[in-house]
């Protein structure tokens, strides 16, 4: 049985899944001092750049709304050259977040 190539998965999810399952991708855990404004403006489509390495946020754990504590964040590393020709960091639904 053949499946049509023009489907929801290929249209909306294939590019990001291919980045995540790439052999060079890694799961990284880091701790961040997140401000309420960081959480309020956060989108899962954000790409975080730390020291030139690109990450996708996988999970945010234990965020304290009262502040004063570091927040555990799971990130997935990826390399942009693994992205297909249609992947564009300048798309309106993707936000680059630079962290110093």
PDB file of N, CA and C in Angstrom:
ATOM      1  N   UNK A   1       0.850  -1.181   0.000  1.00  0.00           N
ATOM      2  CA  UNK A   1       0.000   0.000   0.000  1.00  0.00           C
ATOM      3  C   UNK A   1       0.891   1.237   0.000  1.00  0.00           C
ATOM      4  N   UNK A   2       0.637   2.122  -0.897  1.00  0.00           N
ATOM      5  CA  UNK A   2       1.415   3.363  -1.000  1.00  0.00           C
ATOM      6  C   UNK A   2       0.680   4.487  -0.274  1.00  0.00           C
ATOM      7  N   UNK A   3       1.460   5.312   0.403  1.00  0.00           N
ATOM      8  CA  UNK A   3       0.881   6.459   1.098  1.00  0.00           C
ATOM      9  C   UNK A   3       1.151   7.713   0.283  1.00  0.00           C
ATOM     10  N   UNK A   4       0.205   8.635   0.255  1.00  0.00           N
ATOM     11  CA  UNK A   4       0.438   9.866  -0.506  1.00  0.00           C
ATOM     12  C   UNK A   4       1.545  10.701   0.151  1.00  0.00           C
ATOM     13  N   UNK A   5       2.385  11.306  -0.675  1.00  0.00           N
ATOM     14  CA  UNK A   5       3.480  12.107  -0.129  1.00  0.00           C
ATOM     15  C   UNK A   5       3.012  13.504   0.277  1.00  0.00           C
ATOM     16  N   UNK A   6       1.870  13.910  -0.218  1.00  0.00           N
ATOM     17  CA  UNK A   6       1.331  15.229   0.147  1.00  0.00           C
ATOM     18  C   UNK A   6       0.358  15.032   1.305  1.00  0.00           C
ATOM     19  N   UNK A   7       0.914  15.072   2.516  1.00  0.00           N
ATOM     20  CA  UNK A   7       0.093  14.856   3.698  1.00  0.00           C
ATOM     21  C   UNK A   7       0.492  15.824   4.801  1.00  0.00           C
ATOM     22  N   UNK A   8      -0.237  15.804   5.880  1.00  0.00           N
ATOM     23  CA  UNK A   8       0.000  16.733   6.986  1.00  0.00           C
ATOM     24  C   UNK A   8       1.395  16.564   7.575  1.00  0.00           C
ATOM     25  N   UNK A   9       1.836  15.329   7.749  1.00  0.00           N
ATOM     26  CA  UNK A   9       3.169  15.083   8.304  1.00  0.00           C
ATOM     27  C   UNK A   9       4.242  15.740   7.437  1.00  0.00           C
ATOM     28  N   UNK A  10       4.228  15.457   6.148  1.00  0.00           N
ATOM     29  CA  UNK A  10       5.243  16.017   5.257  1.00  0.00           C
ATOM     30  C   UNK A  10       5.157  17.541   5.174  1.00  0.00           C
ATOM     31  N   UNK A  11       3.959  18.063   5.238  1.00  0.00           N
ATOM     32  CA  UNK A  11       3.775  19.508   5.108  1.00  0.00           C
ATOM     33  C   UNK A  11       4.203  20.272   6.359  1.00  0.00           C
ATOM     34  N   UNK A  12       3.911  19.748   7.550  1.00  0.00           N
ATOM     35  CA  UNK A  12       4.131  20.521   8.772  1.00  0.00           C
ATOM     36  C   UNK A  12       5.186  19.963   9.730  1.00  0.00           C
ATOM     37  N   UNK A  13       5.488  18.690   9.678  1.00  0.00           N
ATOM     38  CA  UNK A  13       6.318  18.091  10.719  1.00  0.00           C
ATOM     39  C   UNK A  13       7.627  17.462  10.249  1.00  0.00           C
ATOM     40  N   UNK A  14       7.723  17.080   9.007  1.00  0.00           N
ATOM     41  CA  UNK A  14       8.875  16.317   8.523  1.00  0.00           C
ATOM     42  C   UNK A  14      10.201  17.029   8.756  1.00  0.00           C
ATOM     43  N   UNK A  15      10.292  18.316   8.448  1.00  0.00           N
ATOM     44  CA  UNK A  15      11.551  19.050   8.590  1.00  0.00           C
ATOM     45  C   UNK A  15      12.069  19.003  10.026  1.00  0.00           C
ATOM     46  N   UNK A  16      11.212  19.265  10.997  1.00  0.00           N
ATOM     47  CA  UNK A  16      11.656  19.300  12.387  1.00  0.00           C
ATOM     48  C   UNK A  16      11.963  17.899  12.905  1.00  0.00           C
ATOM     49  N   UNK A  17      11.174  16.910  12.513  1.00  0.00           N
ATOM     50  CA  UNK A  17      11.442  15.531  12.930  1.00  0.00           C
ATOM     51  C   UNK A  17      12.772  15.061  12.351  1.00  0.00           C
ATOM     52  N   UNK A  18      13.041  15.390  11.098  1.00  0.00           N
ATOM     53  CA  UNK A  18      14.323  15.023  10.499  1.00  0.00           C
ATOM     54  C   UNK A  18      15.494  15.643  11.253  1.00  0.00           C
ATOM     55  N   UNK A  19      15.328  16.878  11.724  1.00  0.00           N
ATOM     56  CA  UNK A  19      16.391  17.513  12.523  1.00  0.00           C
ATOM     57  C   UNK A  19      16.608  16.776  13.842  1.00  0.00           C
ATOM     58  N   UNK A  20      15.530  16.395  14.483  1.00  0.00           N
ATOM     59  CA  UNK A  20      15.615  15.760  15.799  1.00  0.00           C
ATOM     60  C   UNK A  20      16.218  14.368  15.714  1.00  0.00           C
ATOM     61  N   UNK A  21      15.873  13.598  14.693  1.00  0.00           N
ATOM     62  CA  UNK A  21      16.357  12.220  14.622  1.00  0.00           C
ATOM     63  C   UNK A  21      17.691  12.087  13.892  1.00  0.00           C
ATOM     64  N   UNK A  22      18.267  13.194  13.478  1.00  0.00           N
ATOM     65  CA  UNK A  22      19.568  13.160  12.819  1.00  0.00           C
ATOM     66  C   UNK A  22      20.617  12.548  13.758  1.00  0.00           C
ATOM     67  N   UNK A  23      21.580  11.826  13.203  1.00  0.00           N
ATOM     68  CA  UNK A  23      22.633  11.188  14.001  1.00  0.00           C
ATOM     69  C   UNK A  23      23.457  12.185  14.812  1.00  0.00           C
ATOM     70  N   UNK A  24      23.519  13.434  14.371  1.00  0.00           N
ATOM     71  CA  UNK A  24      24.308  14.451  15.071  1.00  0.00           C
ATOM     72  C   UNK A  24      23.523  15.184  16.158  1.00  0.00           C
ATOM     73  N   UNK A  25      22.237  14.941  16.270  1.00  0.00           N
ATOM     74  CA  UNK A  25      21.420  15.604  17.293  1.00  0.00           C
ATOM     75  C   UNK A  25      21.678  14.975  18.661  1.00  0.00           C
ATOM     76  N   UNK A  26      21.624  15.792  19.698  1.00  0.00           N
ATOM     77  CA  UNK A  26      21.857  15.329  21.065  1.00  0.00           C
ATOM     78  C   UNK A  26      20.863  16.012  22.006  1.00  0.00           C
ATOM     79  N   UNK A  27      20.504  15.318  23.065  1.00  0.00           N
ATOM     80  CA  UNK A  27      19.661  15.880  24.110  1.00  0.00           C
ATOM     81  C   UNK A  27      20.574  16.496  25.166  1.00  0.00           C
ATOM     82  N   UNK A  28      20.333  17.755  25.492  1.00  0.00           N
ATOM     83  CA  UNK A  28      21.161  18.489  26.447  1.00  0.00           C
ATOM     84  C   UNK A  28      20.251  19.062  27.522  1.00  0.00           C
ATOM     85  N   UNK A  29      20.689  18.984  28.773  1.00  0.00           N
ATOM     86  CA  UNK A  29      19.948  19.599  29.871  1.00  0.00           C
ATOM     87  C   UNK A  29      20.753  20.786  30.388  1.00  0.00           C
ATOM     88  N   UNK A  30      20.085  21.914  30.538  1.00  0.00           N
ATOM     89  CA  UNK A  30      20.744  23.128  31.027  1.00  0.00           C
ATOM     90  C   UNK A  30      19.801  23.835  31.994  1.00  0.00           C
ATOM     91  N   UNK A  31      20.369  24.704  32.789  1.00  0.00           N
ATOM     92  CA  UNK A  31      19.586  25.478  33.750  1.00  0.00           C
ATOM     93  C   UNK A  31      19.655  26.951  33.380  1.00  0.00           C
ATOM     94  N   UNK A  32      18.479  27.608  33.359  1.00  0.00           N
ATOM     95  CA  UNK A  32      18.387  28.998  32.960  1.00  0.00           C
ATOM     96  C   UNK A  32      17.651  29.809  34.014  1.00  0.00           C
ATOM     97  N   UNK A  33      18.037  31.065  34.126  1.00  0.00           N
ATOM     98  CA  UNK A  33      17.330  32.002  34.989  1.00  0.00           C
ATOM     99  C   UNK A  33      16.260  32.670  34.125  1.00  0.00           C
ATOM    100  N   UNK A  34      15.087  32.050  34.048  1.00  0.00           N
ATOM    101  CA  UNK A  34      14.017  32.555  33.195  1.00  0.00           C
ATOM    102  C   UNK A  34      13.196  33.617  33.904  1.00  0.00           C
ATOM    103  N   UNK A  35      12.974  34.692  33.207  1.00  0.00           N
ATOM    104  CA  UNK A  35      12.115  35.779  33.702  1.00  0.00           C
ATOM    105  C   UNK A  35      10.677  35.489  33.261  1.00  0.00           C
ATOM    106  N   UNK A  36       9.690  36.066  33.953  1.00  0.00           N
ATOM    107  CA  UNK A  36       8.294  35.869  33.521  1.00  0.00           C
ATOM    108  C   UNK A  36       8.063  36.266  32.061  1.00  0.00           C
ATOM    109  N   UNK A  37       8.760  37.304  31.598  1.00  0.00           N
ATOM    110  CA  UNK A  37       8.603  37.722  30.195  1.00  0.00           C
ATOM    111  C   UNK A  37       9.140  36.661  29.230  1.00  0.00           C
ATOM    112  N   UNK A  38      10.188  35.924  29.640  1.00  0.00           N
ATOM    113  CA  UNK A  38      10.715  34.841  28.806  1.00  0.00           C
ATOM    114  C   UNK A  38       9.656  33.765  28.612  1.00  0.00           C
ATOM    115  N   UNK A  39       8.993  33.417  29.676  1.00  0.00           N
ATOM    116  CA  UNK A  39       7.975  32.362  29.627  1.00  0.00           C
ATOM    117  C   UNK A  39       6.739  32.855  28.882  1.00  0.00           C
ATOM    118  N   UNK A  40       6.363  34.111  29.099  1.00  0.00           N
ATOM    119  CA  UNK A  40       5.160  34.660  28.462  1.00  0.00           C
ATOM    120  C   UNK A  40       5.301  34.734  26.942  1.00  0.00           C
ATOM    121  N   UNK A  41       6.511  34.967  26.449  1.00  0.00           N
ATOM    122  CA  UNK A  41       6.706  35.115  25.003  1.00  0.00           C
ATOM    123  C   UNK A  41       7.248  33.851  24.347  1.00  0.00           C
ATOM    124  N   UNK A  42       7.414  32.781  25.119  1.00  0.00           N
ATOM    125  CA  UNK A  42       7.996  31.550  24.601  1.00  0.00           C
ATOM    126  C   UNK A  42       7.048  30.840  23.638  1.00  0.00           C
ATOM    127  N   UNK A  43       7.621  30.324  22.545  1.00  0.00           N
ATOM    128  CA  UNK A  43       6.884  29.488  21.597  1.00  0.00           C
ATOM    129  C   UNK A  43       7.729  28.249  21.337  1.00  0.00           C
ATOM    130  N   UNK A  44       7.091  27.116  21.140  1.00  0.00           N
ATOM    131  CA  UNK A  44       7.835  25.890  20.864  1.00  0.00           C
ATOM    132  C   UNK A  44       8.610  25.963  19.557  1.00  0.00           C
ATOM    133  N   UNK A  45       8.261  26.885  18.694  1.00  0.00           N
ATOM    134  CA  UNK A  45       8.992  27.029  17.435  1.00  0.00           C
ATOM    135  C   UNK A  45      10.270  27.850  17.603  1.00  0.00           C
ATOM    136  N   UNK A  46      10.524  28.369  18.818  1.00  0.00           N
ATOM    137  CA  UNK A  46      11.745  29.131  19.048  1.00  0.00           C
ATOM    138  C   UNK A  46      12.973  28.257  18.831  1.00  0.00           C
ATOM    139  N   UNK A  47      13.954  28.815  18.179  1.00  0.00           N
ATOM    140  CA  UNK A  47      15.256  28.169  18.057  1.00  0.00           C
ATOM    141  C   UNK A  47      16.205  28.972  18.934  1.00  0.00           C
ATOM    142  N   UNK A  48      16.828  28.288  19.866  1.00  0.00           N
ATOM    143  CA  UNK A  48      17.734  28.932  20.814  1.00  0.00           C
ATOM    144  C   UNK A  48      19.154  28.757  20.290  1.00  0.00           C
ATOM    145  N   UNK A  49      19.935  29.844  20.280  1.00  0.00           N
ATOM    146  CA  UNK A  49      21.322  29.784  19.837  1.00  0.00           C
ATOM    147  C   UNK A  49      22.215  30.122  21.023  1.00  0.00           C
ATOM    148  N   UNK A  50      23.072  29.180  21.400  1.00  0.00           N
ATOM    149  CA  UNK A  50      24.017  29.376  22.506  1.00  0.00           C
ATOM    150  C   UNK A  50      25.404  29.063  21.964  1.00  0.00           C
ATOM    151  N   UNK A  51      26.284  30.047  22.010  1.00  0.00           N
ATOM    152  CA  UNK A  51      27.653  29.888  21.505  1.00  0.00           C
ATOM    153  C   UNK A  51      27.675  29.319  20.088  1.00  0.00           C
ATOM    154  N   UNK A  52      26.770  29.781  19.247  1.00  0.00           N
ATOM    155  CA  UNK A  52      26.747  29.369  17.852  1.00  0.00           C
ATOM    156  C   UNK A  52      26.071  28.033  17.587  1.00  0.00           C
ATOM    157  N   UNK A  53      25.701  27.303  18.631  1.00  0.00           N
ATOM    158  CA  UNK A  53      25.010  26.013  18.474  1.00  0.00           C
ATOM    159  C   UNK A  53      23.504  26.248  18.514  1.00  0.00           C
ATOM    160  N   UNK A  54      22.774  25.619  17.601  1.00  0.00           N
ATOM    161  CA  UNK A  54      21.323  25.761  17.530  1.00  0.00           C
ATOM    162  C   UNK A  54      20.642  24.660  18.327  1.00  0.00           C
ATOM    163  N   UNK A  55      19.589  25.051  19.050  1.00  0.00           N
ATOM    164  CA  UNK A  55      18.833  24.108  19.877  1.00  0.00           C
ATOM    165  C   UNK A  55      17.346  24.314  19.669  1.00  0.00           C
ATOM    166  N   UNK A  56      16.598  23.233  19.834  1.00  0.00           N
ATOM    167  CA  UNK A  56      15.147  23.275  19.920  1.00  0.00           C
ATOM    168  C   UNK A  56      14.807  22.922  21.362  1.00  0.00           C
ATOM    169  N   UNK A  57      13.874  23.644  21.963  1.00  0.00           N
ATOM    170  CA  UNK A  57      13.469  23.339  23.330  1.00  0.00           C
ATOM    171  C   UNK A  57      12.570  22.117  23.311  1.00  0.00           C
ATOM    172  N   UNK A  58      12.956  21.110  24.082  1.00  0.00           N
ATOM    173  CA  UNK A  58      12.169  19.890  24.183  1.00  0.00           C
ATOM    174  C   UNK A  58      11.233  19.948  25.381  1.00  0.00           C
ATOM    175  N   UNK A  59      11.737  20.473  26.502  1.00  0.00           N
ATOM    176  CA  UNK A  59      10.946  20.461  27.729  1.00  0.00           C
ATOM    177  C   UNK A  59      11.436  21.551  28.681  1.00  0.00           C
ATOM    178  N   UNK A  60      10.506  22.215  29.349  1.00  0.00           N
ATOM    179  CA  UNK A  60      10.822  23.169  30.422  1.00  0.00           C
ATOM    180  C   UNK A  60      10.263  22.583  31.697  1.00  0.00           C
ATOM    181  N   UNK A  61      11.124  22.407  32.700  1.00  0.00           N
ATOM    182  CA  UNK A  61      10.697  21.744  33.935  1.00  0.00           C
ATOM    183  C   UNK A  61      10.915  22.651  35.142  1.00  0.00           C
ATOM    184  N   UNK A  62      10.003  22.556  36.084  1.00  0.00           N
ATOM    185  CA  UNK A  62      10.153  23.179  37.400  1.00  0.00           C
ATOM    186  C   UNK A  62      10.298  24.698  37.351  1.00  0.00           C
ATOM    187  N   UNK A  63       9.598  25.363  36.439  1.00  0.00           N
ATOM    188  CA  UNK A  63       9.633  26.824  36.415  1.00  0.00           C
ATOM    189  C   UNK A  63       8.899  27.351  37.636  1.00  0.00           C
ATOM    190  N   UNK A  64       9.547  28.236  38.378  1.00  0.00           N
ATOM    191  CA  UNK A  64       8.974  28.820  39.584  1.00  0.00           C
ATOM    192  C   UNK A  64       8.479  30.222  39.256  1.00  0.00           C
ATOM    193  N   UNK A  65       7.180  30.436  39.334  1.00  0.00           N
ATOM    194  CA  UNK A  65       6.607  31.736  38.988  1.00  0.00           C
ATOM    195  C   UNK A  65       7.023  32.837  39.949  1.00  0.00           C
ATOM    196  N   UNK A  66       7.505  32.475  41.133  1.00  0.00           N
ATOM    197  CA  UNK A  66       7.961  33.476  42.100  1.00  0.00           C
ATOM    198  C   UNK A  66       9.382  33.944  41.811  1.00  0.00           C
ATOM    199  N   UNK A  67      10.074  33.244  40.907  1.00  0.00           N
ATOM    200  CA  UNK A  67      11.434  33.634  40.519  1.00  0.00           C
ATOM    201  C   UNK A  67      12.467  33.205  41.551  1.00  0.00           C
ATOM    202  N   UNK A  68      13.702  33.572  41.279  1.00  0.00           N
ATOM    203  CA  UNK A  68      14.773  33.289  42.212  1.00  0.00           C
ATOM    204  C   UNK A  68      15.383  31.902  42.095  1.00  0.00           C
ATOM    205  N   UNK A  69      14.835  31.053  41.223  1.00  0.00           N
ATOM    206  CA  UNK A  69      15.379  29.700  41.042  1.00  0.00           C
ATOM    207  C   UNK A  69      15.699  29.465  39.569  1.00  0.00           C
ATOM    208  N   UNK A  70      16.698  28.667  39.342  1.00  0.00           N
ATOM    209  CA  UNK A  70      17.015  28.284  37.977  1.00  0.00           C
ATOM    210  C   UNK A  70      15.992  27.266  37.484  1.00  0.00           C
ATOM    211  N   UNK A  71      15.721  27.304  36.192  1.00  0.00           N
ATOM    212  CA  UNK A  71      14.746  26.411  35.580  1.00  0.00           C
ATOM    213  C   UNK A  71      15.460  25.385  34.720  1.00  0.00           C
ATOM    214  N   UNK A  72      15.110  24.126  34.890  1.00  0.00           N
ATOM    215  CA  UNK A  72      15.703  23.051  34.113  1.00  0.00           C
ATOM    216  C   UNK A  72      15.041  23.011  32.725  1.00  0.00           C
ATOM    217  N   UNK A  73      15.880  23.055  31.686  1.00  0.00           N
ATOM    218  CA  UNK A  73      15.378  23.067  30.313  1.00  0.00           C
ATOM    219  C   UNK A  73      16.096  21.975  29.520  1.00  0.00           C
ATOM    220  N   UNK A  74      15.320  21.132  28.865  1.00  0.00           N
ATOM    221  CA  UNK A  74      15.878  20.117  27.970  1.00  0.00           C
ATOM    222  C   UNK A  74      15.927  20.701  26.567  1.00  0.00           C
ATOM    223  N   UNK A  75      17.091  20.617  25.938  1.00  0.00           N
ATOM    224  CA  UNK A  75      17.289  21.141  24.599  1.00  0.00           C
ATOM    225  C   UNK A  75      17.744  20.014  23.680  1.00  0.00           C
ATOM    226  N   UNK A  76      17.421  20.128  22.403  1.00  0.00           N
ATOM    227  CA  UNK A  76      17.900  19.179  21.402  1.00  0.00           C
ATOM    228  C   UNK A  76      18.799  19.948  20.451  1.00  0.00           C
ATOM    229  N   UNK A  77      20.051  19.494  20.334  1.00  0.00           N
ATOM    230  CA  UNK A  77      20.976  20.138  19.397  1.00  0.00           C
ATOM    231  C   UNK A  77      20.661  19.679  17.982  1.00  0.00           C
ATOM    232  N   UNK A  78      20.986  20.530  17.028  1.00  0.00           N
ATOM    233  CA  UNK A  78      20.874  20.138  15.631  1.00  0.00           C
ATOM    234  C   UNK A  78      21.780  21.024  14.802  1.00  0.00           C
ATOM    235  N   UNK A  79      22.071  20.564  13.598  1.00  0.00           N
ATOM    236  CA  UNK A  79      22.876  21.336  12.663  1.00  0.00           C
ATOM    237  C   UNK A  79      21.978  21.782  11.524  1.00  0.00           C
ATOM    238  N   UNK A  80      22.071  23.052  11.170  1.00  0.00           N
ATOM    239  CA  UNK A  80      21.197  23.593  10.135  1.00  0.00           C
ATOM    240  C   UNK A  80      21.416  22.940   8.781  1.00  0.00           C
ATOM    241  N   UNK A  81      22.627  22.483   8.505  1.00  0.00           N
ATOM    242  CA  UNK A  81      22.853  21.891   7.185  1.00  0.00           C
ATOM    243  C   UNK A  81      22.119  20.570   7.034  1.00  0.00           C
ATOM    244  N   UNK A  82      21.620  20.000   8.133  1.00  0.00           N
ATOM    245  CA  UNK A  82      20.811  18.791   8.045  1.00  0.00           C
ATOM    246  C   UNK A  82      19.386  19.088   7.621  1.00  0.00           C
ATOM    247  N   UNK A  83      19.035  20.381   7.578  1.00  0.00           N
ATOM    248  CA  UNK A  83      17.676  20.766   7.215  1.00  0.00           C
ATOM    249  C   UNK A  83      17.486  20.700   5.713  1.00  0.00           C
ATOM    250  N   UNK A  84      16.280  20.447   5.327  1.00  0.00           N
ATOM    251  CA  UNK A  84      15.955  20.377   3.912  1.00  0.00           C
ATOM    252  C   UNK A  84      15.915  21.759   3.285  1.00  0.00           C
ATOM    253  N   UNK A  85      15.733  21.823   1.968  1.00  0.00           N
ATOM    254  CA  UNK A  85      15.773  23.103   1.264  1.00  0.00           C
ATOM    255  C   UNK A  85      14.627  24.039   1.629  1.00  0.00           C
ATOM    256  N   UNK A  86      13.533  23.496   2.178  1.00  0.00           N
ATOM    257  CA  UNK A  86      12.399  24.353   2.527  1.00  0.00           C
ATOM    258  C   UNK A  86      12.490  24.922   3.935  1.00  0.00           C
ATOM    259  N   UNK A  87      13.494  24.493   4.719  1.00  0.00           N
ATOM    260  CA  UNK A  87      13.625  24.962   6.093  1.00  0.00           C
ATOM    261  C   UNK A  87      14.231  26.352   6.083  1.00  0.00           C
ATOM    262  N   UNK A  88      13.547  27.300   6.692  1.00  0.00           N
ATOM    263  CA  UNK A  88      13.980  28.697   6.652  1.00  0.00           C
ATOM    264  C   UNK A  88      13.866  29.296   8.041  1.00  0.00           C
ATOM    265  N   UNK A  89      14.999  29.700   8.618  1.00  0.00           N
ATOM    266  CA  UNK A  89      14.976  30.306   9.956  1.00  0.00           C
ATOM    267  C   UNK A  89      14.284  31.660   9.962  1.00  0.00           C
ATOM    268  N   UNK A  90      14.062  32.246   8.802  1.00  0.00           N
ATOM    269  CA  UNK A  90      13.423  33.556   8.746  1.00  0.00           C
ATOM    270  C   UNK A  90      11.909  33.473   8.579  1.00  0.00           C
ATOM    271  N   UNK A  91      11.367  32.259   8.617  1.00  0.00           N
ATOM    272  CA  UNK A  91       9.911  32.132   8.550  1.00  0.00           C
ATOM    273  C   UNK A  91       9.288  32.842   9.743  1.00  0.00           C
ATOM    274  N   UNK A  92       8.097  33.412   9.568  1.00  0.00           N
ATOM    275  CA  UNK A  92       7.472  34.171  10.657  1.00  0.00           C
ATOM    276  C   UNK A  92       7.170  33.345  11.910  1.00  0.00           C
ATOM    277  N   UNK A  93       7.023  32.020  11.777  1.00  0.00           N
ATOM    278  CA  UNK A  93       6.677  31.218  12.947  1.00  0.00           C
ATOM    279  C   UNK A  93       7.920  30.699  13.691  1.00  0.00           C
ATOM    280  N   UNK A  94       9.109  31.094  13.255  1.00  0.00           N
ATOM    281  CA  UNK A  94      10.336  30.655  13.922  1.00  0.00           C
ATOM    282  C   UNK A  94      11.057  31.879  14.478  1.00  0.00           C
ATOM    283  N   UNK A  95      11.372  31.817  15.754  1.00  0.00           N
ATOM    284  CA  UNK A  95      12.048  32.921  16.419  1.00  0.00           C
ATOM    285  C   UNK A  95      13.423  32.469  16.865  1.00  0.00           C
ATOM    286  N   UNK A  96      14.433  33.217  16.517  1.00  0.00           N
ATOM    287  CA  UNK A  96      15.781  32.938  16.999  1.00  0.00           C
ATOM    288  C   UNK A  96      15.969  33.644  18.335  1.00  0.00           C
ATOM    289  N   UNK A  97      16.452  32.932  19.307  1.00  0.00           N
ATOM    290  CA  UNK A  97      16.700  33.506  20.627  1.00  0.00           C
ATOM    291  C   UNK A  97      18.188  33.379  20.900  1.00  0.00           C
ATOM    292  N   UNK A  98      18.897  34.493  20.952  1.00  0.00           N
ATOM    293  CA  UNK A  98      20.328  34.459  21.252  1.00  0.00           C
ATOM    294  C   UNK A  98      20.519  34.530  22.756  1.00  0.00           C
ATOM    295  N   UNK A  99      21.336  33.652  23.294  1.00  0.00           N
ATOM    296  CA  UNK A  99      21.640  33.646  24.723  1.00  0.00           C
ATOM    297  C   UNK A  99      23.124  33.870  24.879  1.00  0.00           C
ATOM    298  N   UNK A 100      23.483  34.815  25.702  1.00  0.00           N
ATOM    299  CA  UNK A 100      24.900  35.116  25.916  1.00  0.00           C
ATOM    300  C   UNK A 100      25.427  34.460  27.170  1.00  0.00           C
TER     301      UNK A 100
END
